């Protein structure tokens, strides 16, 4: 299959429904062949942004959407040459797997031999050859998800749009399909916009992540930038687990560790270390211990305004009620206003 990915540019795209602004004016550029993830809680505006890209919603007056050099702001979805996978998959129950995958090609009146060759290629890509002639109701959730993705790719779209496609699956299957999708998207090279509220999906699939909250963009960055250098507390507290230390600059920590940046200090669980109380300036009491296999998660009270979460090696053993000291790697400190 051959894809011709295009860059996408949204300029001052806002959306108002019945007098209520649900999406503040935003500017967003997506590179050709990039996988961009829109991440945030329900109601943050990520699905509205995706629907504007798709052509299912018009931005408010003054907003524009461009695919490469083409202004597609007023074009409906059927004229934008996009493939879309919905949360519900929206498969046709009266068609077989092959019929669903080839539906778009049939509507486009593709040459029959070409259509069959492309459908066969997609069935092989999605490991669905053995299910080609089955009705949809005989498939598992994971198989249906792959059918929906194959159907979206059949017409070789310029842009692939996915709206929480793994939400309906159980945790183990979701993890497996996330890995498969990551390999597939990187191999295809099609420009992809992926909407999710799941941090693990965002961090595994995205070349860059757009963190959204209350209808606006909080931060755009690579996985490492978002995780280790969050722009504000909303990002820091939504992406991963983070600990808050007391006040401005705790006396227990060197000012040089944060280059004197003003504001409260935060750190990730893996950047803390439990030691004997006499070997550290921060002290607390172990509240609970959770063994998670490759790591053990220990919660500590009394060392900061909030309970601290420290991840230690899985073979480490700590008991609730034990007094502990906490050391924090200087490079792990995050200062936020």
C-alpha atoms as a PDB file:
ATOM      1  CA  UNK A   1       0.000   0.000   0.000  1.00  0.00           C
ATOM      2  CA  UNK A   2       1.134   3.524  -0.738  1.00  0.00           C
ATOM      3  CA  UNK A   3       0.372   6.485   1.502  1.00  0.00           C
ATOM      4  CA  UNK A   4       1.031  10.124   0.701  1.00  0.00           C
ATOM      5  CA  UNK A   5       0.964  11.741   4.145  1.00  0.00           C
ATOM      6  CA  UNK A   6       0.319  15.461   4.430  1.00  0.00           C
ATOM      7  CA  UNK A   7       1.029  18.009   7.157  1.00  0.00           C
ATOM      8  CA  UNK A   8      -1.993  19.450   8.958  1.00  0.00           C
ATOM      9  CA  UNK A   9      -2.339  23.006  10.232  1.00  0.00           C
ATOM     10  CA  UNK A  10      -5.138  24.299  12.454  1.00  0.00           C
ATOM     11  CA  UNK A  11      -5.195  28.070  12.860  1.00  0.00           C
ATOM     12  CA  UNK A  12      -7.344  29.802  15.493  1.00  0.00           C
ATOM     13  CA  UNK A  13      -9.786  26.896  15.563  1.00  0.00           C
ATOM     14  CA  UNK A  14     -12.411  27.340  18.261  1.00  0.00           C
ATOM     15  CA  UNK A  15     -15.819  25.708  18.717  1.00  0.00           C
ATOM     16  CA  UNK A  16     -18.980  26.987  20.341  1.00  0.00           C
ATOM     17  CA  UNK A  17     -22.081  24.862  20.871  1.00  0.00           C
ATOM     18  CA  UNK A  18     -25.367  26.610  21.705  1.00  0.00           C
ATOM     19  CA  UNK A  19     -23.564  29.637  23.110  1.00  0.00           C
ATOM     20  CA  UNK A  20     -21.052  27.617  25.165  1.00  0.00           C
ATOM     21  CA  UNK A  21     -17.369  27.708  24.153  1.00  0.00           C
ATOM     22  CA  UNK A  22     -16.093  24.121  24.353  1.00  0.00           C
ATOM     23  CA  UNK A  23     -12.830  24.715  22.494  1.00  0.00           C
ATOM     24  CA  UNK A  24     -10.736  27.843  22.873  1.00  0.00           C
ATOM     25  CA  UNK A  25      -8.962  29.176  19.748  1.00  0.00           C
ATOM     26  CA  UNK A  26      -5.991  26.905  19.134  1.00  0.00           C
ATOM     27  CA  UNK A  27      -3.106  26.701  16.693  1.00  0.00           C
ATOM     28  CA  UNK A  28      -1.752  23.252  15.966  1.00  0.00           C
ATOM     29  CA  UNK A  29       0.739  21.950  13.386  1.00  0.00           C
ATOM     30  CA  UNK A  30       1.139  18.242  12.648  1.00  0.00           C
ATOM     31  CA  UNK A  31       4.005  16.979  10.515  1.00  0.00           C
ATOM     32  CA  UNK A  32       3.534  14.747   7.480  1.00  0.00           C
ATOM     33  CA  UNK A  33       3.730  11.147   8.660  1.00  0.00           C
ATOM     34  CA  UNK A  34       3.700  12.119  12.346  1.00  0.00           C
ATOM     35  CA  UNK A  35       1.557  10.379  14.958  1.00  0.00           C
ATOM     36  CA  UNK A  36       0.167  13.095  17.211  1.00  0.00           C
ATOM     37  CA  UNK A  37      -1.784  12.132  20.325  1.00  0.00           C
ATOM     38  CA  UNK A  38      -4.444  14.398  21.836  1.00  0.00           C
ATOM     39  CA  UNK A  39      -4.448  13.525  25.541  1.00  0.00           C
ATOM     40  CA  UNK A  40      -6.713  14.761  28.305  1.00  0.00           C
ATOM     41  CA  UNK A  41      -9.701  14.021  30.536  1.00  0.00           C
ATOM     42  CA  UNK A  42     -13.278  13.815  29.305  1.00  0.00           C
ATOM     43  CA  UNK A  43     -14.633  17.174  28.188  1.00  0.00           C
ATOM     44  CA  UNK A  44     -11.203  18.737  27.546  1.00  0.00           C
ATOM     45  CA  UNK A  45     -11.830  19.349  23.830  1.00  0.00           C
ATOM     46  CA  UNK A  46      -9.732  16.585  22.278  1.00  0.00           C
ATOM     47  CA  UNK A  47     -12.578  14.857  20.419  1.00  0.00           C
ATOM     48  CA  UNK A  48     -13.938  18.211  19.210  1.00  0.00           C
ATOM     49  CA  UNK A  49     -10.479  18.985  17.810  1.00  0.00           C
ATOM     50  CA  UNK A  50     -10.404  15.612  16.048  1.00  0.00           C
ATOM     51  CA  UNK A  51     -13.870  16.181  14.576  1.00  0.00           C
ATOM     52  CA  UNK A  52     -12.785  19.564  13.217  1.00  0.00           C
ATOM     53  CA  UNK A  53      -9.804  17.886  11.531  1.00  0.00           C
ATOM     54  CA  UNK A  54     -12.118  15.200  10.152  1.00  0.00           C
ATOM     55  CA  UNK A  55     -14.668  17.643   8.765  1.00  0.00           C
ATOM     56  CA  UNK A  56     -17.438  16.459  11.089  1.00  0.00           C
ATOM     57  CA  UNK A  57     -17.510  19.870  12.771  1.00  0.00           C
ATOM     58  CA  UNK A  58     -16.879  23.364  11.420  1.00  0.00           C
ATOM     59  CA  UNK A  59     -14.649  25.638  13.512  1.00  0.00           C
ATOM     60  CA  UNK A  60     -16.071  28.964  14.618  1.00  0.00           C
ATOM     61  CA  UNK A  61     -15.706  31.878  12.201  1.00  0.00           C
ATOM     62  CA  UNK A  62     -12.045  32.743  11.604  1.00  0.00           C
ATOM     63  CA  UNK A  63     -10.687  29.222  12.146  1.00  0.00           C
ATOM     64  CA  UNK A  64      -9.003  27.372   9.294  1.00  0.00           C
ATOM     65  CA  UNK A  65      -7.879  23.785   8.644  1.00  0.00           C
ATOM     66  CA  UNK A  66      -5.256  23.009   6.024  1.00  0.00           C
ATOM     67  CA  UNK A  67      -4.000  19.678   4.678  1.00  0.00           C
ATOM     68  CA  UNK A  68      -0.699  20.640   3.096  1.00  0.00           C
ATOM     69  CA  UNK A  69      -1.444  23.531   0.733  1.00  0.00           C
ATOM     70  CA  UNK A  70      -5.177  22.768   0.624  1.00  0.00           C
ATOM     71  CA  UNK A  71      -7.677  24.746   2.698  1.00  0.00           C
ATOM     72  CA  UNK A  72     -10.174  22.040   3.726  1.00  0.00           C
ATOM     73  CA  UNK A  73     -12.054  24.079   6.328  1.00  0.00           C
ATOM     74  CA  UNK A  74     -15.362  23.849   4.462  1.00  0.00           C
ATOM     75  CA  UNK A  75     -14.901  20.383   2.982  1.00  0.00           C
ATOM     76  CA  UNK A  76     -17.011  17.561   4.487  1.00  0.00           C
ATOM     77  CA  UNK A  77     -15.340  14.373   5.677  1.00  0.00           C
ATOM     78  CA  UNK A  78     -16.069  12.439   2.461  1.00  0.00           C
ATOM     79  CA  UNK A  79     -14.012  14.946   0.450  1.00  0.00           C
ATOM     80  CA  UNK A  80     -11.018  15.200   2.786  1.00  0.00           C
ATOM     81  CA  UNK A  81      -9.609  11.745   2.004  1.00  0.00           C
ATOM     82  CA  UNK A  82      -9.312  10.755   5.650  1.00  0.00           C
ATOM     83  CA  UNK A  83      -9.707   7.377   7.340  1.00  0.00           C
ATOM     84  CA  UNK A  84     -11.421   7.323  10.704  1.00  0.00           C
ATOM     85  CA  UNK A  85     -11.795   4.705  13.452  1.00  0.00           C
ATOM     86  CA  UNK A  86     -14.475   5.454  16.029  1.00  0.00           C
ATOM     87  CA  UNK A  87     -14.682   4.216  19.603  1.00  0.00           C
ATOM     88  CA  UNK A  88     -17.681   2.059  18.628  1.00  0.00           C
ATOM     89  CA  UNK A  89     -15.935   0.833  15.408  1.00  0.00           C
ATOM     90  CA  UNK A  90     -19.234   1.484  13.486  1.00  0.00           C
ATOM     91  CA  UNK A  91     -18.938  -1.759  11.505  1.00  0.00           C
ATOM     92  CA  UNK A  92     -21.735  -2.986   9.254  1.00  0.00           C
ATOM     93  CA  UNK A  93     -23.372  -6.040  10.910  1.00  0.00           C
ATOM     94  CA  UNK A  94     -24.857  -7.265   7.612  1.00  0.00           C
ATOM     95  CA  UNK A  95     -21.440  -7.488   5.912  1.00  0.00           C
ATOM     96  CA  UNK A  96     -18.624  -9.989   6.312  1.00  0.00           C
ATOM     97  CA  UNK A  97     -15.136  -8.982   7.393  1.00  0.00           C
ATOM     98  CA  UNK A  98     -14.105  -8.732   3.734  1.00  0.00           C
ATOM     99  CA  UNK A  99     -17.215  -6.711   2.936  1.00  0.00           C
ATOM    100  CA  UNK A 100     -16.511  -4.242   5.739  1.00  0.00           C
ATOM    101  CA  UNK A 101     -12.864  -3.757   4.777  1.00  0.00           C
ATOM    102  CA  UNK A 102     -13.724  -3.226   1.124  1.00  0.00           C
ATOM    103  CA  UNK A 103     -16.811  -1.075   1.644  1.00  0.00           C
ATOM    104  CA  UNK A 104     -15.105   2.266   0.970  1.00  0.00           C
ATOM    105  CA  UNK A 105     -13.475   0.910  -2.171  1.00  0.00           C
ATOM    106  CA  UNK A 106     -16.848  -0.317  -3.426  1.00  0.00           C
ATOM    107  CA  UNK A 107     -18.454   3.090  -2.844  1.00  0.00           C
ATOM    108  CA  UNK A 108     -15.535   4.718  -4.675  1.00  0.00           C
ATOM    109  CA  UNK A 109     -16.097   2.294  -7.570  1.00  0.00           C
ATOM    110  CA  UNK A 110     -12.515   1.023  -7.443  1.00  0.00           C
ATOM    111  CA  UNK A 111     -11.536  -1.463 -10.126  1.00  0.00           C
ATOM    112  CA  UNK A 112     -12.567  -4.907  -8.765  1.00  0.00           C
ATOM    113  CA  UNK A 113      -9.172  -6.596  -9.147  1.00  0.00           C
ATOM    114  CA  UNK A 114      -7.422  -3.685  -7.430  1.00  0.00           C
ATOM    115  CA  UNK A 115     -10.010  -3.628  -4.649  1.00  0.00           C
ATOM    116  CA  UNK A 116      -9.650  -7.352  -3.982  1.00  0.00           C
ATOM    117  CA  UNK A 117      -5.853  -7.134  -3.978  1.00  0.00           C
ATOM    118  CA  UNK A 118      -5.917  -4.255  -1.489  1.00  0.00           C
ATOM    119  CA  UNK A 119      -8.435  -5.965   0.771  1.00  0.00           C
ATOM    120  CA  UNK A 120      -6.338  -9.143   0.755  1.00  0.00           C
ATOM    121  CA  UNK A 121      -3.266  -7.103   1.664  1.00  0.00           C
ATOM    122  CA  UNK A 122      -5.058  -5.477   4.587  1.00  0.00           C
ATOM    123  CA  UNK A 123      -6.503  -8.766   5.829  1.00  0.00           C
ATOM    124  CA  UNK A 124      -2.976 -10.182   5.869  1.00  0.00           C
ATOM    125  CA  UNK A 125      -1.590  -7.069   7.569  1.00  0.00           C
ATOM    126  CA  UNK A 126      -4.214  -7.354  10.320  1.00  0.00           C
ATOM    127  CA  UNK A 127      -3.936 -11.170  10.563  1.00  0.00           C
ATOM    128  CA  UNK A 128      -7.584 -11.562   9.597  1.00  0.00           C
ATOM    129  CA  UNK A 129      -7.276 -13.893   6.576  1.00  0.00           C
ATOM    130  CA  UNK A 130      -8.887 -16.808   8.436  1.00  0.00           C
ATOM    131  CA  UNK A 131     -11.853 -14.605   9.343  1.00  0.00           C
ATOM    132  CA  UNK A 132     -12.420 -12.969   5.946  1.00  0.00           C
ATOM    133  CA  UNK A 133     -15.824 -14.525   5.317  1.00  0.00           C
ATOM    134  CA  UNK A 134     -17.166 -14.392   8.869  1.00  0.00           C
ATOM    135  CA  UNK A 135     -19.961 -12.027   9.914  1.00  0.00           C
ATOM    136  CA  UNK A 136     -18.905  -9.299  12.339  1.00  0.00           C
ATOM    137  CA  UNK A 137     -20.844 -10.746  15.293  1.00  0.00           C
ATOM    138  CA  UNK A 138     -18.563 -13.812  15.304  1.00  0.00           C
ATOM    139  CA  UNK A 139     -15.442 -11.734  15.969  1.00  0.00           C
ATOM    140  CA  UNK A 140     -13.800 -10.815  19.269  1.00  0.00           C
ATOM    141  CA  UNK A 141     -13.405  -7.189  20.314  1.00  0.00           C
ATOM    142  CA  UNK A 142      -9.779  -7.131  19.226  1.00  0.00           C
ATOM    143  CA  UNK A 143     -10.617  -8.590  15.823  1.00  0.00           C
ATOM    144  CA  UNK A 144     -13.367  -6.004  15.301  1.00  0.00           C
ATOM    145  CA  UNK A 145     -10.908  -3.257  16.133  1.00  0.00           C
ATOM    146  CA  UNK A 146      -8.538  -4.564  13.463  1.00  0.00           C
ATOM    147  CA  UNK A 147     -11.378  -4.723  10.913  1.00  0.00           C
ATOM    148  CA  UNK A 148     -12.237  -1.078  11.638  1.00  0.00           C
ATOM    149  CA  UNK A 149      -8.606  -0.053  11.215  1.00  0.00           C
ATOM    150  CA  UNK A 150      -8.271  -2.023   7.961  1.00  0.00           C
ATOM    151  CA  UNK A 151     -11.416  -0.383   6.598  1.00  0.00           C
ATOM    152  CA  UNK A 152     -10.050   3.075   7.467  1.00  0.00           C
ATOM    153  CA  UNK A 153      -6.801   2.308   5.603  1.00  0.00           C
ATOM    154  CA  UNK A 154      -8.349   0.694   2.525  1.00  0.00           C
ATOM    155  CA  UNK A 155      -8.580   3.878   0.462  1.00  0.00           C
ATOM    156  CA  UNK A 156      -5.028   4.919   1.371  1.00  0.00           C
ATOM    157  CA  UNK A 157      -6.072   8.085   3.222  1.00  0.00           C
ATOM    158  CA  UNK A 158      -3.920  11.181   3.519  1.00  0.00           C
ATOM    159  CA  UNK A 159      -4.786  11.351   7.218  1.00  0.00           C
ATOM    160  CA  UNK A 160      -5.761   8.641   9.724  1.00  0.00           C
ATOM    161  CA  UNK A 161      -7.932   9.687  12.682  1.00  0.00           C
ATOM    162  CA  UNK A 162      -8.546   7.448  15.702  1.00  0.00           C
ATOM    163  CA  UNK A 163     -11.000   8.329  18.471  1.00  0.00           C
ATOM    164  CA  UNK A 164     -10.236   6.189  21.558  1.00  0.00           C
ATOM    165  CA  UNK A 165     -10.277   2.963  19.496  1.00  0.00           C
ATOM    166  CA  UNK A 166      -9.097   0.697  22.341  1.00  0.00           C
ATOM    167  CA  UNK A 167     -11.407   1.910  25.112  1.00  0.00           C
ATOM    168  CA  UNK A 168     -13.932  -0.943  24.837  1.00  0.00           C
ATOM    169  CA  UNK A 169     -11.302  -3.692  25.216  1.00  0.00           C
ATOM    170  CA  UNK A 170     -10.128  -5.416  28.381  1.00  0.00           C
ATOM    171  CA  UNK A 171      -6.779  -4.353  29.826  1.00  0.00           C
ATOM    172  CA  UNK A 172      -4.646  -7.274  28.564  1.00  0.00           C
ATOM    173  CA  UNK A 173      -6.023  -7.102  25.013  1.00  0.00           C
ATOM    174  CA  UNK A 174      -5.695  -3.328  25.014  1.00  0.00           C
ATOM    175  CA  UNK A 175      -2.007  -3.594  25.901  1.00  0.00           C
ATOM    176  CA  UNK A 176      -1.379  -6.159  23.156  1.00  0.00           C
ATOM    177  CA  UNK A 177      -3.207  -4.174  20.474  1.00  0.00           C
ATOM    178  CA  UNK A 178      -1.472  -0.966  21.533  1.00  0.00           C
ATOM    179  CA  UNK A 179       1.876  -2.587  20.787  1.00  0.00           C
ATOM    180  CA  UNK A 180       0.589  -3.882  17.440  1.00  0.00           C
ATOM    181  CA  UNK A 181      -0.783  -0.479  16.497  1.00  0.00           C
ATOM    182  CA  UNK A 182       2.479   1.219  17.400  1.00  0.00           C
ATOM    183  CA  UNK A 183       4.398  -1.075  15.022  1.00  0.00           C
ATOM    184  CA  UNK A 184       1.772  -0.681  12.299  1.00  0.00           C
ATOM    185  CA  UNK A 185       1.596   3.122  12.372  1.00  0.00           C
ATOM    186  CA  UNK A 186       5.359   3.525  12.305  1.00  0.00           C
ATOM    187  CA  UNK A 187       5.565   1.143   9.374  1.00  0.00           C
ATOM    188  CA  UNK A 188       2.835   2.857   7.343  1.00  0.00           C
ATOM    189  CA  UNK A 189       4.051   6.427   7.823  1.00  0.00           C
ATOM    190  CA  UNK A 190       0.561   7.912   7.438  1.00  0.00           C
ATOM    191  CA  UNK A 191      -0.203  11.208   9.226  1.00  0.00           C
ATOM    192  CA  UNK A 192      -2.159  10.109  12.301  1.00  0.00           C
ATOM    193  CA  UNK A 193      -4.111  11.936  15.000  1.00  0.00           C
ATOM    194  CA  UNK A 194      -5.013   9.733  17.961  1.00  0.00           C
ATOM    195  CA  UNK A 195      -7.400  10.762  20.746  1.00  0.00           C
ATOM    196  CA  UNK A 196      -7.171   9.136  24.178  1.00  0.00           C
ATOM    197  CA  UNK A 197      -7.448   9.762  27.910  1.00  0.00           C
ATOM    198  CA  UNK A 198      -5.070   6.848  28.570  1.00  0.00           C
ATOM    199  CA  UNK A 199      -1.516   7.957  29.393  1.00  0.00           C
ATOM    200  CA  UNK A 200       0.017   4.595  28.484  1.00  0.00           C
ATOM    201  CA  UNK A 201      -1.506   4.756  24.998  1.00  0.00           C
ATOM    202  CA  UNK A 202      -0.289   8.319  24.534  1.00  0.00           C
ATOM    203  CA  UNK A 203       3.259   7.557  25.639  1.00  0.00           C
ATOM    204  CA  UNK A 204       3.596   4.405  23.529  1.00  0.00           C
ATOM    205  CA  UNK A 205       1.971   5.663  20.323  1.00  0.00           C
ATOM    206  CA  UNK A 206       2.724   9.364  20.037  1.00  0.00           C
ATOM    207  CA  UNK A 207       5.682  11.028  18.342  1.00  0.00           C
ATOM    208  CA  UNK A 208       4.385  14.097  20.175  1.00  0.00           C
ATOM    209  CA  UNK A 209       1.632  14.571  22.733  1.00  0.00           C
ATOM    210  CA  UNK A 210      -0.820  17.452  23.033  1.00  0.00           C
ATOM    211  CA  UNK A 211      -2.084  17.677  26.618  1.00  0.00           C
ATOM    212  CA  UNK A 212      -5.475  19.389  26.762  1.00  0.00           C
ATOM    213  CA  UNK A 213      -7.589  20.687  29.618  1.00  0.00           C
ATOM    214  CA  UNK A 214     -10.811  22.728  29.748  1.00  0.00           C
ATOM    215  CA  UNK A 215     -10.888  23.340  26.010  1.00  0.00           C
ATOM    216  CA  UNK A 216      -7.308  24.541  25.610  1.00  0.00           C
ATOM    217  CA  UNK A 217      -3.839  23.196  24.946  1.00  0.00           C
ATOM    218  CA  UNK A 218      -1.684  23.033  28.074  1.00  0.00           C
ATOM    219  CA  UNK A 219       1.488  21.695  26.452  1.00  0.00           C
ATOM    220  CA  UNK A 220       2.779  20.157  23.230  1.00  0.00           C
ATOM    221  CA  UNK A 221       5.939  18.101  23.336  1.00  0.00           C
ATOM    222  CA  UNK A 222       7.720  14.805  22.964  1.00  0.00           C
ATOM    223  CA  UNK A 223       7.113  12.043  25.481  1.00  0.00           C
ATOM    224  CA  UNK A 224      10.185  12.959  27.517  1.00  0.00           C
ATOM    225  CA  UNK A 225       9.410  16.684  27.467  1.00  0.00           C
ATOM    226  CA  UNK A 226       5.881  16.144  28.730  1.00  0.00           C
ATOM    227  CA  UNK A 227       6.968  13.723  31.439  1.00  0.00           C
ATOM    228  CA  UNK A 228      10.174  15.315  32.701  1.00  0.00           C
ATOM    229  CA  UNK A 229       9.525  18.976  31.870  1.00  0.00           C
ATOM    230  CA  UNK A 230       5.806  19.595  32.320  1.00  0.00           C
ATOM    231  CA  UNK A 231       4.709  23.156  31.571  1.00  0.00           C
ATOM    232  CA  UNK A 232       2.446  23.494  34.601  1.00  0.00           C
ATOM    233  CA  UNK A 233       0.731  21.606  37.387  1.00  0.00           C
ATOM    234  CA  UNK A 234      -2.172  20.481  35.192  1.00  0.00           C
ATOM    235  CA  UNK A 235       0.247  18.623  32.927  1.00  0.00           C
ATOM    236  CA  UNK A 236       2.450  17.353  35.759  1.00  0.00           C
ATOM    237  CA  UNK A 237      -0.478  15.913  37.668  1.00  0.00           C
ATOM    238  CA  UNK A 238      -2.271  14.398  34.671  1.00  0.00           C
ATOM    239  CA  UNK A 239       0.686  12.673  33.015  1.00  0.00           C
ATOM    240  CA  UNK A 240       2.110   9.977  35.267  1.00  0.00           C
ATOM    241  CA  UNK A 241       2.371  10.104  39.053  1.00  0.00           C
ATOM    242  CA  UNK A 242       4.081  13.065  40.676  1.00  0.00           C
ATOM    243  CA  UNK A 243       4.961  14.074  44.245  1.00  0.00           C
ATOM    244  CA  UNK A 244       4.692  17.590  45.688  1.00  0.00           C
ATOM    245  CA  UNK A 245       7.200  18.821  48.247  1.00  0.00           C
ATOM    246  CA  UNK A 246       6.620  21.473  50.890  1.00  0.00           C
ATOM    247  CA  UNK A 247       6.633  25.228  50.341  1.00  0.00           C
ATOM    248  CA  UNK A 248       9.030  27.008  48.019  1.00  0.00           C
ATOM    249  CA  UNK A 249      12.494  25.507  48.429  1.00  0.00           C
ATOM    250  CA  UNK A 250      12.667  22.824  51.131  1.00  0.00           C
ATOM    251  CA  UNK A 251      15.750  23.313  53.265  1.00  0.00           C
ATOM    252  CA  UNK A 252      16.585  19.673  52.773  1.00  0.00           C
ATOM    253  CA  UNK A 253      17.255  20.244  49.082  1.00  0.00           C
ATOM    254  CA  UNK A 254      20.038  22.293  47.507  1.00  0.00           C
ATOM    255  CA  UNK A 255      18.956  25.400  45.599  1.00  0.00           C
ATOM    256  CA  UNK A 256      21.410  24.440  42.869  1.00  0.00           C
ATOM    257  CA  UNK A 257      19.346  21.350  42.181  1.00  0.00           C
ATOM    258  CA  UNK A 258      16.692  23.473  40.416  1.00  0.00           C
ATOM    259  CA  UNK A 259      18.950  26.342  39.332  1.00  0.00           C
ATOM    260  CA  UNK A 260      17.135  28.599  41.736  1.00  0.00           C
ATOM    261  CA  UNK A 261      13.843  28.358  39.814  1.00  0.00           C
ATOM    262  CA  UNK A 262      11.062  29.777  42.021  1.00  0.00           C
ATOM    263  CA  UNK A 263       7.969  27.761  42.811  1.00  0.00           C
ATOM    264  CA  UNK A 264       7.046  24.492  44.466  1.00  0.00           C
ATOM    265  CA  UNK A 265       9.093  21.390  43.847  1.00  0.00           C
ATOM    266  CA  UNK A 266       7.830  18.090  42.469  1.00  0.00           C
ATOM    267  CA  UNK A 267       9.455  14.766  41.614  1.00  0.00           C
ATOM    268  CA  UNK A 268       8.493  11.483  39.973  1.00  0.00           C
ATOM    269  CA  UNK A 269       8.263   8.283  42.090  1.00  0.00           C
ATOM    270  CA  UNK A 270      11.280   6.698  40.380  1.00  0.00           C
ATOM    271  CA  UNK A 271      13.483   9.688  41.279  1.00  0.00           C
ATOM    272  CA  UNK A 272      13.100   9.124  45.026  1.00  0.00           C
ATOM    273  CA  UNK A 273      15.075   6.624  47.099  1.00  0.00           C
ATOM    274  CA  UNK A 274      14.309   5.218  50.540  1.00  0.00           C
ATOM    275  CA  UNK A 275      17.221   5.196  52.972  1.00  0.00           C
ATOM    276  CA  UNK A 276      17.855   5.023  56.718  1.00  0.00           C
ATOM    277  CA  UNK A 277      16.412   8.143  58.430  1.00  0.00           C
ATOM    278  CA  UNK A 278      19.848   9.266  59.627  1.00  0.00           C
ATOM    279  CA  UNK A 279      21.082   9.389  56.015  1.00  0.00           C
ATOM    280  CA  UNK A 280      18.513  11.907  54.739  1.00  0.00           C
ATOM    281  CA  UNK A 281      17.003  15.273  55.677  1.00  0.00           C
ATOM    282  CA  UNK A 282      13.487  14.300  54.637  1.00  0.00           C
ATOM    283  CA  UNK A 283      11.817  11.796  56.982  1.00  0.00           C
ATOM    284  CA  UNK A 284       8.510  10.030  56.982  1.00  0.00           C
ATOM    285  CA  UNK A 285       6.593   6.891  57.888  1.00  0.00           C
ATOM    286  CA  UNK A 286       5.729   4.078  55.459  1.00  0.00           C
ATOM    287  CA  UNK A 287       1.944   4.053  55.083  1.00  0.00           C
ATOM    288  CA  UNK A 288       1.475   1.231  52.572  1.00  0.00           C
ATOM    289  CA  UNK A 289       3.453  -1.082  50.305  1.00  0.00           C
ATOM    290  CA  UNK A 290       2.278  -2.477  46.960  1.00  0.00           C
ATOM    291  CA  UNK A 291       4.331  -5.146  45.199  1.00  0.00           C
ATOM    292  CA  UNK A 292       3.962  -4.646  41.405  1.00  0.00           C
ATOM    293  CA  UNK A 293       6.452  -7.225  40.159  1.00  0.00           C
ATOM    294  CA  UNK A 294       9.333  -5.289  38.604  1.00  0.00           C
ATOM    295  CA  UNK A 295       8.911  -2.545  41.205  1.00  0.00           C
ATOM    296  CA  UNK A 296       7.451  -1.948  44.651  1.00  0.00           C
ATOM    297  CA  UNK A 297       5.385   1.185  45.248  1.00  0.00           C
ATOM    298  CA  UNK A 298       5.766   2.635  48.734  1.00  0.00           C
ATOM    299  CA  UNK A 299       3.630   5.485  50.083  1.00  0.00           C
ATOM    300  CA  UNK A 300       5.180   7.669  52.780  1.00  0.00           C
ATOM    301  CA  UNK A 301       3.442  10.175  55.047  1.00  0.00           C
ATOM    302  CA  UNK A 302       4.852  12.997  57.176  1.00  0.00           C
ATOM    303  CA  UNK A 303       7.623  14.104  54.824  1.00  0.00           C
ATOM    304  CA  UNK A 304       5.562  16.565  52.765  1.00  0.00           C
ATOM    305  CA  UNK A 305       2.087  18.145  52.738  1.00  0.00           C
ATOM    306  CA  UNK A 306       0.787  15.224  50.658  1.00  0.00           C
ATOM    307  CA  UNK A 307       1.539  11.534  50.785  1.00  0.00           C
ATOM    308  CA  UNK A 308       4.659  10.754  48.748  1.00  0.00           C
ATOM    309  CA  UNK A 309       4.874   7.813  46.363  1.00  0.00           C
ATOM    310  CA  UNK A 310       8.284   6.180  45.922  1.00  0.00           C
ATOM    311  CA  UNK A 311       9.044   3.363  43.473  1.00  0.00           C
ATOM    312  CA  UNK A 312      11.837   1.020  44.519  1.00  0.00           C
ATOM    313  CA  UNK A 313      13.260  -2.207  43.094  1.00  0.00           C
ATOM    314  CA  UNK A 314      10.805  -5.075  43.173  1.00  0.00           C
ATOM    315  CA  UNK A 315      12.916  -7.160  45.545  1.00  0.00           C
ATOM    316  CA  UNK A 316      13.124  -4.362  48.126  1.00  0.00           C
ATOM    317  CA  UNK A 317      11.006  -4.984  51.212  1.00  0.00           C
ATOM    318  CA  UNK A 318       9.531  -2.297  53.434  1.00  0.00           C
ATOM    319  CA  UNK A 319       6.937  -2.581  56.170  1.00  0.00           C
ATOM    320  CA  UNK A 320       4.073  -0.203  57.010  1.00  0.00           C
ATOM    321  CA  UNK A 321       4.918   1.888  60.076  1.00  0.00           C
ATOM    322  CA  UNK A 322       8.664   1.925  59.427  1.00  0.00           C
ATOM    323  CA  UNK A 323      10.522   5.237  59.725  1.00  0.00           C
ATOM    324  CA  UNK A 324      12.384   6.074  56.504  1.00  0.00           C
ATOM    325  CA  UNK A 325      14.509   8.785  54.987  1.00  0.00           C
ATOM    326  CA  UNK A 326      13.960  10.010  51.425  1.00  0.00           C
ATOM    327  CA  UNK A 327      16.700  11.022  49.022  1.00  0.00           C
ATOM    328  CA  UNK A 328      15.758  12.697  45.739  1.00  0.00           C
ATOM    329  CA  UNK A 329      17.987  12.763  42.674  1.00  0.00           C
ATOM    330  CA  UNK A 330      18.734  16.470  41.983  1.00  0.00           C
ATOM    331  CA  UNK A 331      18.096  16.011  38.264  1.00  0.00           C
ATOM    332  CA  UNK A 332      14.644  14.634  39.121  1.00  0.00           C
ATOM    333  CA  UNK A 333      13.414  17.808  40.789  1.00  0.00           C
ATOM    334  CA  UNK A 334      10.770  19.745  38.845  1.00  0.00           C
ATOM    335  CA  UNK A 335      10.084  23.357  39.838  1.00  0.00           C
ATOM    336  CA  UNK A 336       6.669  24.737  38.876  1.00  0.00           C
ATOM    337  CA  UNK A 337       5.111  28.132  39.688  1.00  0.00           C
END
